[in-house]
Amino acid sequence: ALLTPREREIANLAARGRTSKEVAADLVLSVRTVDNHLANVYAKLGIPGRAELGGALALAEPEAPVVPRPRTGRQA
C-alpha cells in the first residue's frame, strides 16, 4: 500500500473537510502529528495540499476505504 493505515485514516478525515485540530482531537493526537502525517501523504501522492486530497486518494487507493477509529480519551 502506498499509504500507511494511519496516513489513510488522517487523509480521509482531512479530505472530508476536518481541520487538523479536529482530526487531532478525534484521534487523540497532537496537531503537529496530524500535520506531519498529512505532509507525508502529500509527498507520497505528489500533491501540493488539502484541496487535491480527495481526488488523489480515490486514484491512489480506490479499494482501501478508511473507517475512522472510534473516539477514545477526552470528549470535545
C-alpha atoms as a PDB file:
ATOM      1  CA  ALA A   1       0.000   0.000   0.000  1.00  0.00           C
ATOM      2  CA  LEU A   2       1.178   3.466  -0.813  1.00  0.00           C
ATOM      3  CA  LEU A   3      -0.042   4.986   2.463  1.00  0.00           C
ATOM      4  CA  THR A   4       0.132   3.542   5.947  1.00  0.00           C
ATOM      5  CA  PRO A   5      -3.188   2.804   7.648  1.00  0.00           C
ATOM      6  CA  ARG A   6      -2.736   5.851   9.918  1.00  0.00           C
ATOM      7  CA  GLU A   7      -1.917   8.095   6.946  1.00  0.00           C
ATOM      8  CA  ARG A   8      -5.050   6.855   5.146  1.00  0.00           C
ATOM      9  CA  GLU A   9      -7.157   7.462   8.241  1.00  0.00           C
ATOM     10  CA  ILE A  10      -5.914  11.017   8.708  1.00  0.00           C
ATOM     11  CA  ALA A  11      -6.044  11.817   4.989  1.00  0.00           C
ATOM     12  CA  ASN A  12      -9.594  10.517   4.737  1.00  0.00           C
ATOM     13  CA  LEU A  13     -10.753  12.724   7.606  1.00  0.00           C
ATOM     14  CA  ALA A  14      -8.946  15.751   6.154  1.00  0.00           C
ATOM     15  CA  ALA A  15     -10.460  15.082   2.728  1.00  0.00           C
ATOM     16  CA  ARG A  16     -13.910  15.148   4.342  1.00  0.00           C
ATOM     17  CA  GLY A  17     -13.257  18.700   5.498  1.00  0.00           C
ATOM     18  CA  ARG A  18     -11.987  18.111   9.030  1.00  0.00           C
ATOM     19  CA  THR A  19      -9.321  20.573  10.189  1.00  0.00           C
ATOM     20  CA  SER A  20      -6.027  19.342  11.605  1.00  0.00           C
ATOM     21  CA  LYS A  21      -7.219  20.428  15.043  1.00  0.00           C
ATOM     22  CA  GLU A  22     -10.444  18.412  14.671  1.00  0.00           C
ATOM     23  CA  VAL A  23      -8.600  15.337  13.391  1.00  0.00           C
ATOM     24  CA  ALA A  24      -6.157  15.604  16.276  1.00  0.00           C
ATOM     25  CA  ALA A  25      -9.000  15.766  18.789  1.00  0.00           C
ATOM     26  CA  ASP A  26     -10.848  12.854  17.157  1.00  0.00           C
ATOM     27  CA  LEU A  27      -7.783  10.596  17.156  1.00  0.00           C
ATOM     28  CA  VAL A  28      -6.211  11.875  20.390  1.00  0.00           C
ATOM     29  CA  LEU A  29      -3.075  13.122  18.635  1.00  0.00           C
ATOM     30  CA  SER A  30      -1.259  16.427  18.573  1.00  0.00           C
ATOM     31  CA  VAL A  31      -1.977  18.840  15.732  1.00  0.00           C
ATOM     32  CA  ARG A  32       1.699  18.648  14.821  1.00  0.00           C
ATOM     33  CA  THR A  33       1.478  14.852  14.438  1.00  0.00           C
ATOM     34  CA  VAL A  34      -1.557  15.219  12.173  1.00  0.00           C
ATOM     35  CA  ASP A  35       0.220  17.844  10.075  1.00  0.00           C
ATOM     36  CA  ASN A  36       3.328  15.642   9.816  1.00  0.00           C
ATOM     37  CA  HIS A  37       1.220  12.720   8.586  1.00  0.00           C
ATOM     38  CA  LEU A  38      -0.517  14.983   6.074  1.00  0.00           C
ATOM     39  CA  ALA A  39       2.845  16.265   4.802  1.00  0.00           C
ATOM     40  CA  ASN A  40       3.917  12.646   4.235  1.00  0.00           C
ATOM     41  CA  VAL A  41       0.636  11.928   2.436  1.00  0.00           C
ATOM     42  CA  TYR A  42       1.045  14.949   0.159  1.00  0.00           C
ATOM     43  CA  ALA A  43       4.603  13.899  -0.702  1.00  0.00           C
ATOM     44  CA  LYS A  44       3.622  10.284  -1.402  1.00  0.00           C
ATOM     45  CA  LEU A  45       0.657  11.312  -3.565  1.00  0.00           C
ATOM     46  CA  GLY A  46       2.555  14.123  -5.303  1.00  0.00           C
ATOM     47  CA  ILE A  47       0.025  16.798  -4.427  1.00  0.00           C
ATOM     48  CA  PRO A  48       0.543  20.297  -3.033  1.00  0.00           C
ATOM     49  CA  GLY A  49      -2.125  20.228  -0.335  1.00  0.00           C
ATOM     50  CA  ARG A  50      -5.538  19.502   1.119  1.00  0.00           C
ATOM     51  CA  ALA A  51      -7.568  20.774  -1.840  1.00  0.00           C
ATOM     52  CA  GLU A  52      -6.327  17.903  -4.034  1.00  0.00           C
ATOM     53  CA  LEU A  53      -6.535  15.257  -1.338  1.00  0.00           C
ATOM     54  CA  GLY A  54      -9.940  13.708  -2.104  1.00  0.00           C
ATOM     55  CA  GLY A  55      -9.246  13.093  -5.774  1.00  0.00           C
ATOM     56  CA  ALA A  56      -5.719  11.853  -5.164  1.00  0.00           C
ATOM     57  CA  LEU A  57      -6.905   9.380  -2.511  1.00  0.00           C
ATOM     58  CA  ALA A  58      -9.547   7.966  -4.836  1.00  0.00           C
ATOM     59  CA  LEU A  59      -6.978   7.460  -7.585  1.00  0.00           C
ATOM     60  CA  ALA A  60      -4.182   6.143  -5.383  1.00  0.00           C
ATOM     61  CA  GLU A  61      -6.100   3.592  -3.327  1.00  0.00           C
ATOM     62  CA  PRO A  62      -9.683   3.237  -4.534  1.00  0.00           C
ATOM     63  CA  GLU A  63     -10.075  -0.212  -2.959  1.00  0.00           C
ATOM     64  CA  ALA A  64      -8.940   0.885   0.505  1.00  0.00           C
ATOM     65  CA  PRO A  65     -11.805   2.697   2.233  1.00  0.00           C
ATOM     66  CA  VAL A  66     -10.940   4.144   5.596  1.00  0.00           C
ATOM     67  CA  VAL A  67     -13.215   3.652   8.565  1.00  0.00           C
ATOM     68  CA  PRO A  68     -12.277   6.064  11.341  1.00  0.00           C
ATOM     69  CA  ARG A  69     -11.472   4.505  14.685  1.00  0.00           C
ATOM     70  CA  PRO A  70     -13.941   5.084  17.499  1.00  0.00           C
ATOM     71  CA  ARG A  71     -13.177   8.129  19.575  1.00  0.00           C
ATOM     72  CA  THR A  72     -11.242   7.461  22.725  1.00  0.00           C
ATOM     73  CA  GLY A  73      -9.944   9.632  25.504  1.00  0.00           C
ATOM     74  CA  ARG A  74     -11.397  13.010  26.270  1.00  0.00           C
ATOM     75  CA  GLN A  75     -14.552  14.160  24.569  1.00  0.00           C
ATOM     76  CA  ALA A  76     -14.740  17.539  22.845  1.00  0.00           C
END
